[in-house]
Amino acid sequence: MANEEVKQRIIDFFKQSKGKSKFYLSDLTKAAPELSKKDLKKVTTEMIAEGTLMYYSTGSTTMLQLSEADVDAKLKE
């Protein structure tokens, strides 16, 4: 499976979630169950480098969310 397809499924997972905008890496395994957590981490790291995803930290835990531009677009929908 191509990384681009997995990336699109992760973006769709974020956009389809109702009321929740931040997820743990383990939550994203629902979007790509065929990938190991290690491979999923590689894909999300690429997405962060591209600016599609960004980290969200509460100080004690780190989550992933869509980039600010994507979050603003989702709120307008």
N, C-alpha and C. Protein backbone atom coordinates (compact mmCIF):
# COMPACT_ATOMS: atom_id res chain seq x y z
N MET A 1 0.84 -1.18 0.00
CA MET A 1 0.00 0.00 0.00
C MET A 1 0.89 1.24 0.00
N ALA A 2 0.54 2.20 -0.81
CA ALA A 2 1.32 3.43 -0.93
C ALA A 2 1.12 4.33 0.28
N ASN A 3 2.18 5.03 0.64
CA ASN A 3 2.10 5.96 1.78
C ASN A 3 1.05 7.03 1.55
N GLU A 4 0.88 7.46 0.30
CA GLU A 4 -0.08 8.52 0.01
C GLU A 4 -1.50 8.08 0.36
N GLU A 5 -1.81 6.82 0.10
CA GLU A 5 -3.14 6.30 0.44
C GLU A 5 -3.33 6.26 1.96
N VAL A 6 -2.31 5.84 2.67
CA VAL A 6 -2.38 5.79 4.14
C VAL A 6 -2.52 7.21 4.69
N LYS A 7 -1.77 8.15 4.14
CA LYS A 7 -1.86 9.54 4.59
C LYS A 7 -3.27 10.08 4.39
N GLN A 8 -3.88 9.77 3.25
CA GLN A 8 -5.23 10.24 2.99
C GLN A 8 -6.23 9.62 3.97
N ARG A 9 -6.04 8.34 4.30
CA ARG A 9 -6.93 7.68 5.25
C ARG A 9 -6.80 8.30 6.64
N ILE A 10 -5.58 8.69 7.01
CA ILE A 10 -5.38 9.34 8.31
C ILE A 10 -6.07 10.70 8.32
N ILE A 11 -5.93 11.46 7.26
CA ILE A 11 -6.60 12.77 7.16
C ILE A 11 -8.11 12.59 7.23
N ASP A 12 -8.63 11.60 6.51
CA ASP A 12 -10.07 11.32 6.54
C ASP A 12 -10.53 10.93 7.95
N PHE A 13 -9.70 10.17 8.66
CA PHE A 13 -10.02 9.77 10.03
C PHE A 13 -10.20 11.00 10.91
N PHE A 14 -9.29 11.96 10.79
CA PHE A 14 -9.40 13.20 11.56
C PHE A 14 -10.66 13.97 11.19
N LYS A 15 -10.91 14.09 9.90
CA LYS A 15 -12.04 14.90 9.45
C LYS A 15 -13.39 14.26 9.76
N GLN A 16 -13.45 12.93 9.87
CA GLN A 16 -14.70 12.25 10.16
C GLN A 16 -15.01 12.19 11.64
N SER A 17 -14.02 12.46 12.48
CA SER A 17 -14.24 12.38 13.92
C SER A 17 -15.10 13.57 14.36
N LYS A 18 -16.09 13.27 15.14
CA LYS A 18 -17.01 14.31 15.62
C LYS A 18 -16.62 14.72 17.04
N GLY A 19 -16.33 15.98 17.23
CA GLY A 19 -16.07 16.51 18.56
C GLY A 19 -14.69 16.23 19.11
N LYS A 20 -13.86 15.55 18.38
CA LYS A 20 -12.52 15.23 18.86
C LYS A 20 -11.53 15.59 17.77
N SER A 21 -10.50 16.36 18.12
CA SER A 21 -9.55 16.80 17.10
C SER A 21 -8.12 16.32 17.37
N LYS A 22 -7.89 15.73 18.55
CA LYS A 22 -6.55 15.28 18.91
C LYS A 22 -6.60 13.79 19.23
N PHE A 23 -5.61 13.06 18.72
CA PHE A 23 -5.58 11.62 18.90
C PHE A 23 -4.18 11.15 19.27
N TYR A 24 -4.14 10.05 20.01
CA TYR A 24 -2.88 9.36 20.26
C TYR A 24 -2.50 8.58 19.01
N LEU A 25 -1.23 8.26 18.89
CA LEU A 25 -0.78 7.46 17.76
C LEU A 25 -1.53 6.13 17.72
N SER A 26 -1.77 5.54 18.88
CA SER A 26 -2.47 4.25 18.92
C SER A 26 -3.91 4.37 18.40
N ASP A 27 -4.53 5.55 18.52
CA ASP A 27 -5.87 5.75 17.97
C ASP A 27 -5.85 5.70 16.45
N LEU A 28 -4.76 6.14 15.86
CA LEU A 28 -4.65 6.19 14.40
C LEU A 28 -4.49 4.82 13.77
N THR A 29 -4.26 3.80 14.59
CA THR A 29 -4.18 2.44 14.03
C THR A 29 -5.53 2.03 13.46
N LYS A 30 -6.61 2.67 13.86
CA LYS A 30 -7.93 2.38 13.29
C LYS A 30 -8.00 2.83 11.83
N ALA A 31 -7.25 3.84 11.48
CA ALA A 31 -7.23 4.34 10.10
C ALA A 31 -6.40 3.45 9.19
N ALA A 32 -5.39 2.80 9.76
CA ALA A 32 -4.50 1.94 8.96
C ALA A 32 -4.15 0.69 9.77
N PRO A 33 -5.12 -0.21 9.98
CA PRO A 33 -4.88 -1.37 10.84
C PRO A 33 -3.82 -2.35 10.31
N GLU A 34 -3.52 -2.28 9.01
CA GLU A 34 -2.54 -3.20 8.44
C GLU A 34 -1.11 -2.79 8.75
N LEU A 35 -0.89 -1.56 9.23
CA LEU A 35 0.45 -1.08 9.54
C LEU A 35 0.81 -1.37 10.99
N SER A 36 2.07 -1.67 11.20
CA SER A 36 2.56 -1.79 12.57
C SER A 36 2.65 -0.39 13.16
N LYS A 37 2.73 -0.30 14.46
CA LYS A 37 2.83 1.02 15.11
C LYS A 37 4.10 1.75 14.65
N LYS A 38 5.16 0.98 14.43
CA LYS A 38 6.43 1.56 13.97
C LYS A 38 6.27 2.19 12.59
N ASP A 39 5.60 1.47 11.67
CA ASP A 39 5.39 1.99 10.32
C ASP A 39 4.44 3.19 10.33
N LEU A 40 3.43 3.12 11.19
CA LEU A 40 2.49 4.24 11.31
C LEU A 40 3.21 5.48 11.83
N LYS A 41 4.14 5.30 12.75
CA LYS A 41 4.93 6.41 13.28
C LYS A 41 5.75 7.06 12.16
N LYS A 42 6.30 6.24 11.26
CA LYS A 42 7.07 6.79 10.13
C LYS A 42 6.18 7.65 9.24
N VAL A 43 4.97 7.16 8.96
CA VAL A 43 4.04 7.91 8.11
C VAL A 43 3.64 9.22 8.78
N THR A 44 3.30 9.17 10.06
CA THR A 44 2.88 10.40 10.75
C THR A 44 4.04 11.38 10.86
N THR A 45 5.26 10.89 11.01
CA THR A 45 6.43 11.77 11.06
C THR A 45 6.60 12.48 9.71
N GLU A 46 6.36 11.76 8.60
CA GLU A 46 6.41 12.39 7.28
C GLU A 46 5.34 13.47 7.17
N MET A 47 4.14 13.17 7.68
CA MET A 47 3.04 14.13 7.60
C MET A 47 3.33 15.37 8.43
N ILE A 48 4.02 15.22 9.55
CA ILE A 48 4.41 16.37 10.37
C ILE A 48 5.43 17.21 9.61
N ALA A 49 6.38 16.56 8.97
CA ALA A 49 7.40 17.28 8.18
C ALA A 49 6.77 18.03 7.01
N GLU A 50 5.70 17.46 6.44
CA GLU A 50 5.00 18.10 5.32
C GLU A 50 4.08 19.24 5.80
N GLY A 51 3.78 19.26 7.09
CA GLY A 51 2.89 20.29 7.62
C GLY A 51 1.43 19.88 7.65
N THR A 52 1.12 18.62 7.39
CA THR A 52 -0.26 18.14 7.41
C THR A 52 -0.74 17.90 8.83
N LEU A 53 0.14 17.30 9.65
CA LEU A 53 -0.16 17.04 11.06
C LEU A 53 0.77 17.86 11.93
N MET A 54 0.40 17.99 13.20
CA MET A 54 1.28 18.63 14.15
C MET A 54 1.10 17.97 15.51
N TYR A 55 2.11 18.10 16.34
CA TYR A 55 2.04 17.55 17.69
C TYR A 55 1.23 18.48 18.58
N TYR A 56 0.55 17.89 19.55
CA TYR A 56 -0.14 18.64 20.59
C TYR A 56 0.31 18.03 21.90
N SER A 57 0.84 18.84 22.79
CA SER A 57 1.34 18.33 24.05
C SER A 57 0.67 19.02 25.22
N THR A 58 0.27 18.21 26.20
CA THR A 58 -0.30 18.76 27.43
C THR A 58 0.76 18.88 28.51
N GLY A 59 1.96 18.45 28.19
CA GLY A 59 3.03 18.44 29.16
C GLY A 59 3.30 17.04 29.67
N SER A 60 2.25 16.26 29.81
CA SER A 60 2.42 14.89 30.28
C SER A 60 2.18 13.87 29.18
N THR A 61 1.56 14.29 28.12
CA THR A 61 1.27 13.37 27.01
C THR A 61 1.36 14.11 25.69
N THR A 62 1.64 13.38 24.64
CA THR A 62 1.73 13.98 23.30
C THR A 62 0.71 13.32 22.40
N MET A 63 -0.03 14.16 21.70
CA MET A 63 -1.05 13.68 20.77
C MET A 63 -0.77 14.28 19.40
N LEU A 64 -1.55 13.85 18.42
CA LEU A 64 -1.43 14.38 17.07
C LEU A 64 -2.73 15.07 16.69
N GLN A 65 -2.62 16.13 15.91
CA GLN A 65 -3.80 16.81 15.39
C GLN A 65 -3.48 17.32 14.00
N LEU A 66 -4.52 17.68 13.26
CA LEU A 66 -4.31 18.29 11.96
C LEU A 66 -3.60 19.62 12.15
N SER A 67 -2.90 20.07 11.14
CA SER A 67 -2.22 21.36 11.23
C SER A 67 -3.25 22.46 11.45
N GLU A 68 -2.82 23.61 11.90
CA GLU A 68 -3.73 24.71 12.23
C GLU A 68 -4.62 25.10 11.07
N ALA A 69 -4.08 25.13 9.86
CA ALA A 69 -4.89 25.49 8.69
C ALA A 69 -5.99 24.47 8.47
N ASP A 70 -5.67 23.18 8.64
CA ASP A 70 -6.68 22.14 8.46
C ASP A 70 -7.72 22.18 9.57
N VAL A 71 -7.30 22.52 10.79
CA VAL A 71 -8.24 22.63 11.92
C VAL A 71 -9.22 23.76 11.64
N ASP A 72 -8.73 24.89 11.16
CA ASP A 72 -9.61 26.02 10.85
C ASP A 72 -10.61 25.65 9.76
N ALA A 73 -10.17 24.93 8.77
CA ALA A 73 -11.06 24.50 7.68
C ALA A 73 -12.13 23.55 8.20
N LYS A 74 -11.73 22.66 9.12
CA LYS A 74 -12.70 21.71 9.68
C LYS A 74 -13.75 22.43 10.52
N LEU A 75 -13.35 23.45 11.24
CA LEU A 75 -14.29 24.20 12.07
C LEU A 75 -15.31 24.96 11.22
N LYS A 76 -14.92 25.37 10.02
CA LYS A 76 -15.83 26.11 9.14
C LYS A 76 -16.85 25.21 8.48
N GLU A 77 -16.61 23.88 8.47
CA GLU A 77 -17.55 22.94 7.81
C GLU A 77 -18.82 22.81 8.60
